[in-house]
Amino acid sequence: MSLGANIREAREWWEMTQRDVADHLEVTVPIISRYESGEKIPSLERLQELAELFEISIDELVAS
């Protein structure tokens, strides 16, 4: 799986919307959408925030 698909899967597992994730990271919904589609790669800092939000490691988040 790709990073974007892993982000989407984790978000859906937690039953969160893209708006929920965007609000937590203090970014816009289109940025979360671009992360999930693979159009944009999150910075290391954002990856850490996402991993903490989803209670997984960065390794799990980026695993293919």
N, C-alpha and C. Protein backbone atom coordinates (compact mmCIF):
# COMPACT_ATOMS: atom_id res chain seq x y z
N MET A 1 0.83 -1.18 0.00
CA MET A 1 0.00 0.00 0.00
C MET A 1 0.88 1.24 0.00
N SER A 2 0.36 2.30 -0.54
CA SER A 2 1.11 3.57 -0.59
C SER A 2 0.88 4.36 0.71
N LEU A 3 1.71 5.37 0.90
CA LEU A 3 1.56 6.23 2.07
C LEU A 3 0.16 6.82 2.11
N GLY A 4 -0.31 7.34 0.98
CA GLY A 4 -1.63 7.95 0.93
C GLY A 4 -2.73 6.96 1.31
N ALA A 5 -2.63 5.75 0.80
CA ALA A 5 -3.62 4.72 1.13
C ALA A 5 -3.54 4.35 2.61
N ASN A 6 -2.34 4.33 3.17
CA ASN A 6 -2.19 4.04 4.60
C ASN A 6 -2.82 5.14 5.45
N ILE A 7 -2.64 6.38 5.04
CA ILE A 7 -3.24 7.50 5.78
C ILE A 7 -4.77 7.37 5.72
N ARG A 8 -5.31 7.12 4.54
CA ARG A 8 -6.75 6.98 4.38
C ARG A 8 -7.28 5.80 5.21
N GLU A 9 -6.58 4.67 5.14
CA GLU A 9 -7.02 3.48 5.89
C GLU A 9 -7.03 3.75 7.40
N ALA A 10 -5.98 4.40 7.90
CA ALA A 10 -5.92 4.71 9.33
C ALA A 10 -7.03 5.69 9.71
N ARG A 11 -7.26 6.68 8.88
CA ARG A 11 -8.32 7.66 9.15
C ARG A 11 -9.68 6.96 9.21
N GLU A 12 -9.93 6.11 8.24
CA GLU A 12 -11.21 5.41 8.20
C GLU A 12 -11.34 4.43 9.36
N TRP A 13 -10.25 3.78 9.75
CA TRP A 13 -10.29 2.85 10.88
C TRP A 13 -10.74 3.59 12.15
N TRP A 14 -10.25 4.82 12.31
CA TRP A 14 -10.61 5.64 13.47
C TRP A 14 -11.94 6.35 13.27
N GLU A 15 -12.59 6.09 12.12
CA GLU A 15 -13.88 6.71 11.79
C GLU A 15 -13.80 8.22 11.84
N MET A 16 -12.73 8.75 11.27
CA MET A 16 -12.52 10.18 11.20
C MET A 16 -12.77 10.65 9.78
N THR A 17 -13.20 11.87 9.66
CA THR A 17 -13.33 12.48 8.34
C THR A 17 -12.03 13.21 8.01
N GLN A 18 -11.89 13.59 6.75
CA GLN A 18 -10.73 14.40 6.38
C GLN A 18 -10.76 15.71 7.16
N ARG A 19 -11.94 16.23 7.42
CA ARG A 19 -12.08 17.47 8.21
C ARG A 19 -11.54 17.26 9.62
N ASP A 20 -11.84 16.11 10.23
CA ASP A 20 -11.34 15.82 11.58
C ASP A 20 -9.82 15.85 11.60
N VAL A 21 -9.20 15.20 10.63
CA VAL A 21 -7.74 15.14 10.57
C VAL A 21 -7.17 16.54 10.30
N ALA A 22 -7.78 17.24 9.36
CA ALA A 22 -7.32 18.60 9.03
C ALA A 22 -7.39 19.51 10.25
N ASP A 23 -8.48 19.43 10.99
CA ASP A 23 -8.63 20.25 12.19
C ASP A 23 -7.56 19.91 13.22
N HIS A 24 -7.28 18.62 13.39
CA HIS A 24 -6.26 18.19 14.36
C HIS A 24 -4.88 18.72 13.97
N LEU A 25 -4.57 18.67 12.66
CA LEU A 25 -3.25 19.12 12.20
C LEU A 25 -3.19 20.61 11.92
N GLU A 26 -4.36 21.26 12.01
CA GLU A 26 -4.47 22.69 11.72
C GLU A 26 -4.04 23.00 10.29
N VAL A 27 -4.58 22.20 9.36
CA VAL A 27 -4.37 22.40 7.93
C VAL A 27 -5.74 22.37 7.26
N THR A 28 -5.77 22.53 5.94
CA THR A 28 -7.03 22.51 5.22
C THR A 28 -7.37 21.09 4.77
N VAL A 29 -8.65 20.87 4.51
CA VAL A 29 -9.11 19.57 4.02
C VAL A 29 -8.43 19.20 2.70
N PRO A 30 -8.27 20.14 1.74
CA PRO A 30 -7.58 19.76 0.50
C PRO A 30 -6.16 19.22 0.72
N ILE A 31 -5.47 19.66 1.74
CA ILE A 31 -4.13 19.13 2.01
C ILE A 31 -4.24 17.66 2.41
N ILE A 32 -5.19 17.33 3.26
CA ILE A 32 -5.38 15.93 3.66
C ILE A 32 -5.75 15.09 2.43
N SER A 33 -6.60 15.63 1.60
CA SER A 33 -6.99 14.94 0.36
C SER A 33 -5.78 14.68 -0.52
N ARG A 34 -4.90 15.67 -0.64
CA ARG A 34 -3.68 15.50 -1.45
C ARG A 34 -2.72 14.49 -0.83
N TYR A 35 -2.66 14.44 0.49
CA TYR A 35 -1.85 13.40 1.15
C TYR A 35 -2.38 12.02 0.77
N GLU A 36 -3.70 11.87 0.88
CA GLU A 36 -4.31 10.56 0.63
C GLU A 36 -4.23 10.15 -0.85
N SER A 37 -4.26 11.11 -1.76
CA SER A 37 -4.19 10.79 -3.19
C SER A 37 -2.75 10.61 -3.66
N GLY A 38 -1.80 10.98 -2.82
CA GLY A 38 -0.39 10.87 -3.20
C GLY A 38 0.13 12.07 -3.96
N GLU A 39 -0.69 13.11 -4.11
CA GLU A 39 -0.25 14.32 -4.80
C GLU A 39 0.75 15.12 -3.98
N LYS A 40 0.69 14.97 -2.67
CA LYS A 40 1.58 15.71 -1.77
C LYS A 40 2.09 14.75 -0.71
N ILE A 41 3.36 14.87 -0.39
CA ILE A 41 3.99 14.04 0.64
C ILE A 41 4.09 14.87 1.92
N PRO A 42 3.58 14.36 3.03
CA PRO A 42 3.68 15.11 4.29
C PRO A 42 5.13 15.25 4.73
N SER A 43 5.43 16.37 5.38
CA SER A 43 6.76 16.56 5.96
C SER A 43 6.95 15.55 7.10
N LEU A 44 8.17 15.40 7.54
CA LEU A 44 8.46 14.49 8.65
C LEU A 44 7.66 14.90 9.89
N GLU A 45 7.57 16.20 10.13
CA GLU A 45 6.80 16.70 11.28
C GLU A 45 5.33 16.29 11.15
N ARG A 46 4.76 16.43 9.95
CA ARG A 46 3.36 16.04 9.72
C ARG A 46 3.19 14.52 9.86
N LEU A 47 4.16 13.76 9.36
CA LEU A 47 4.09 12.31 9.51
C LEU A 47 4.05 11.93 10.99
N GLN A 48 4.85 12.61 11.80
CA GLN A 48 4.86 12.34 13.24
C GLN A 48 3.51 12.68 13.84
N GLU A 49 2.93 13.80 13.45
CA GLU A 49 1.62 14.19 13.97
C GLU A 49 0.54 13.18 13.56
N LEU A 50 0.60 12.73 12.31
CA LEU A 50 -0.36 11.74 11.83
C LEU A 50 -0.20 10.42 12.59
N ALA A 51 1.04 9.99 12.77
CA ALA A 51 1.30 8.75 13.50
C ALA A 51 0.77 8.83 14.93
N GLU A 52 0.99 9.95 15.58
CA GLU A 52 0.49 10.13 16.94
C GLU A 52 -1.04 10.14 16.96
N LEU A 53 -1.65 10.82 16.01
CA LEU A 53 -3.10 10.88 15.93
C LEU A 53 -3.70 9.49 15.77
N PHE A 54 -3.10 8.68 14.90
CA PHE A 54 -3.62 7.35 14.61
C PHE A 54 -3.05 6.26 15.53
N GLU A 55 -2.19 6.68 16.47
CA GLU A 55 -1.59 5.76 17.45
C GLU A 55 -0.86 4.61 16.78
N ILE A 56 -0.06 4.97 15.77
CA ILE A 56 0.80 4.00 15.09
C ILE A 56 2.18 4.62 14.92
N SER A 57 3.14 3.81 14.51
CA SER A 57 4.48 4.35 14.28
C SER A 57 4.56 4.96 12.88
N ILE A 58 5.55 5.79 12.68
CA ILE A 58 5.79 6.34 11.33
C ILE A 58 6.09 5.19 10.38
N ASP A 59 6.83 4.18 10.85
CA ASP A 59 7.14 3.01 10.01
C ASP A 59 5.87 2.36 9.49
N GLU A 60 4.88 2.20 10.38
CA GLU A 60 3.61 1.60 9.95
C GLU A 60 2.89 2.48 8.94
N LEU A 61 2.99 3.77 9.14
CA LEU A 61 2.32 4.72 8.26
C LEU A 61 2.91 4.70 6.84
N VAL A 62 4.23 4.57 6.75
CA VAL A 62 4.87 4.64 5.43
C VAL A 62 5.11 3.27 4.81
N ALA A 63 4.80 2.20 5.54
CA ALA A 63 5.03 0.83 5.01
C ALA A 63 4.22 0.62 3.73
N SER A 64 4.86 -0.06 2.78
CA SER A 64 4.14 -0.34 1.53
C SER A 64 3.60 -1.74 1.49
